[in-house]
C-alpha atoms as a PDB file:
ATOM      1  CA  UNK A   1      19.297  12.507 -30.554  1.00  0.00           C
ATOM      2  CA  UNK A   2      15.610  11.590 -30.802  1.00  0.00           C
ATOM      3  CA  UNK A   3      12.839  13.411 -29.020  1.00  0.00           C
ATOM      4  CA  UNK A   4      11.005  11.329 -26.428  1.00  0.00           C
ATOM      5  CA  UNK A   5       7.675  11.459 -24.653  1.00  0.00           C
ATOM      6  CA  UNK A   6       7.454  10.216 -21.087  1.00  0.00           C
ATOM      7  CA  UNK A   7       4.504   9.234 -18.946  1.00  0.00           C
ATOM      8  CA  UNK A   8       4.029   8.551 -15.271  1.00  0.00           C
ATOM      9  CA  UNK A   9       1.417   7.010 -13.015  1.00  0.00           C
ATOM     10  CA  UNK A  10       0.886   6.524  -9.309  1.00  0.00           C
ATOM     11  CA  UNK A  11       0.098   3.144  -7.803  1.00  0.00           C
ATOM     12  CA  UNK A  12      -0.180   1.847  -4.249  1.00  0.00           C
ATOM     13  CA  UNK A  13       1.058  -1.658  -3.548  1.00  0.00           C
ATOM     14  CA  UNK A  14       0.353  -3.513  -0.320  1.00  0.00           C
ATOM     15  CA  UNK A  15       1.946  -6.509   1.362  1.00  0.00           C
ATOM     16  CA  UNK A  16       2.001  -8.309   4.699  1.00  0.00           C
ATOM     17  CA  UNK A  17       5.726  -8.905   4.152  1.00  0.00           C
ATOM     18  CA  UNK A  18       7.024  -5.322   4.216  1.00  0.00           C
ATOM     19  CA  UNK A  19       7.634  -2.222   2.150  1.00  0.00           C
ATOM     20  CA  UNK A  20      10.001  -3.850  -0.352  1.00  0.00           C
ATOM     21  CA  UNK A  21       7.382  -6.425  -1.296  1.00  0.00           C
ATOM     22  CA  UNK A  22       4.669  -3.735  -1.503  1.00  0.00           C
ATOM     23  CA  UNK A  23       6.844  -1.830  -4.013  1.00  0.00           C
ATOM     24  CA  UNK A  24       7.415  -5.016  -6.019  1.00  0.00           C
ATOM     25  CA  UNK A  25       3.660  -5.710  -6.114  1.00  0.00           C
ATOM     26  CA  UNK A  26       2.985  -2.221  -7.499  1.00  0.00           C
ATOM     27  CA  UNK A  27       5.812  -2.488 -10.058  1.00  0.00           C
ATOM     28  CA  UNK A  28       4.553  -5.883 -11.239  1.00  0.00           C
ATOM     29  CA  UNK A  29       1.099  -4.406 -11.878  1.00  0.00           C
ATOM     30  CA  UNK A  30       2.614  -1.374 -13.641  1.00  0.00           C
ATOM     31  CA  UNK A  31       4.571  -3.748 -15.883  1.00  0.00           C
ATOM     32  CA  UNK A  32       1.275  -5.428 -16.894  1.00  0.00           C
ATOM     33  CA  UNK A  33      -0.193  -2.054 -17.843  1.00  0.00           C
ATOM     34  CA  UNK A  34       2.650  -0.280 -19.680  1.00  0.00           C
ATOM     35  CA  UNK A  35       5.966  -1.073 -21.357  1.00  0.00           C
ATOM     36  CA  UNK A  36       9.317   0.694 -21.100  1.00  0.00           C
ATOM     37  CA  UNK A  37       9.296   1.396 -17.344  1.00  0.00           C
ATOM     38  CA  UNK A  38      12.449   3.344 -16.491  1.00  0.00           C
ATOM     39  CA  UNK A  39      12.170   4.429 -12.855  1.00  0.00           C
ATOM     40  CA  UNK A  40      10.072   4.623  -9.727  1.00  0.00           C
ATOM     41  CA  UNK A  41       9.883   7.063  -6.831  1.00  0.00           C
ATOM     42  CA  UNK A  42       8.418   6.322  -3.393  1.00  0.00           C
ATOM     43  CA  UNK A  43       5.748   8.941  -2.742  1.00  0.00           C
ATOM     44  CA  UNK A  44       4.468   7.722   0.628  1.00  0.00           C
ATOM     45  CA  UNK A  45       4.617   4.809   3.025  1.00  0.00           C
ATOM     46  CA  UNK A  46       1.895   3.854   5.464  1.00  0.00           C
ATOM     47  CA  UNK A  47       0.387   0.779   7.024  1.00  0.00           C
ATOM     48  CA  UNK A  48      -2.895  -0.816   7.929  1.00  0.00           C
ATOM     49  CA  UNK A  49      -3.223  -1.681  11.610  1.00  0.00           C
ATOM     50  CA  UNK A  50      -5.328  -4.593  12.862  1.00  0.00           C
ATOM     51  CA  UNK A  51      -5.605  -5.486  16.558  1.00  0.00           C
ATOM     52  CA  UNK A  52      -2.768  -3.114  17.416  1.00  0.00           C
ATOM     53  CA  UNK A  53      -0.257  -4.618  14.986  1.00  0.00           C
ATOM     54  CA  UNK A  54       0.832  -3.939  11.407  1.00  0.00           C
ATOM     55  CA  UNK A  55      -1.357  -6.044   9.127  1.00  0.00           C
ATOM     56  CA  UNK A  56      -0.263  -4.602   5.769  1.00  0.00           C
ATOM     57  CA  UNK A  57       2.364  -2.194   4.520  1.00  0.00           C
ATOM     58  CA  UNK A  58       1.124   0.226   1.852  1.00  0.00           C
ATOM     59  CA  UNK A  59       3.586   2.046  -0.411  1.00  0.00           C
ATOM     60  CA  UNK A  60       2.548   4.580  -3.035  1.00  0.00           C
ATOM     61  CA  UNK A  61       5.007   4.901  -5.901  1.00  0.00           C
ATOM     62  CA  UNK A  62       5.219   7.067  -9.005  1.00  0.00           C
ATOM     63  CA  UNK A  63       6.336   5.004 -12.013  1.00  0.00           C
ATOM     64  CA  UNK A  64       7.938   6.630 -15.070  1.00  0.00           C
ATOM     65  CA  UNK A  65       8.018   5.143 -18.559  1.00  0.00           C
ATOM     66  CA  UNK A  66       8.906   6.049 -22.128  1.00  0.00           C
ATOM     67  CA  UNK A  67       6.111   6.215 -24.709  1.00  0.00           C
ATOM     68  CA  UNK A  68       7.018   4.965 -28.160  1.00  0.00           C
ATOM     69  CA  UNK A  69      10.562   4.711 -29.397  1.00  0.00           C
END
């Protein structure tokens, strides 16, 4: 079995369309930045309120990835 090195980063995605889309926005950006993404974990969920209604959902995720082979 090979030794591996793993990395992680936190990102916050936002979307008018809900938490699922906010997560997908953050994962898409993570995929542009690093390769070999293996998992994500939801760290927090919140929203931006405008005129008494939810304007944007904001989801912070931790993304884990393998460095090298």
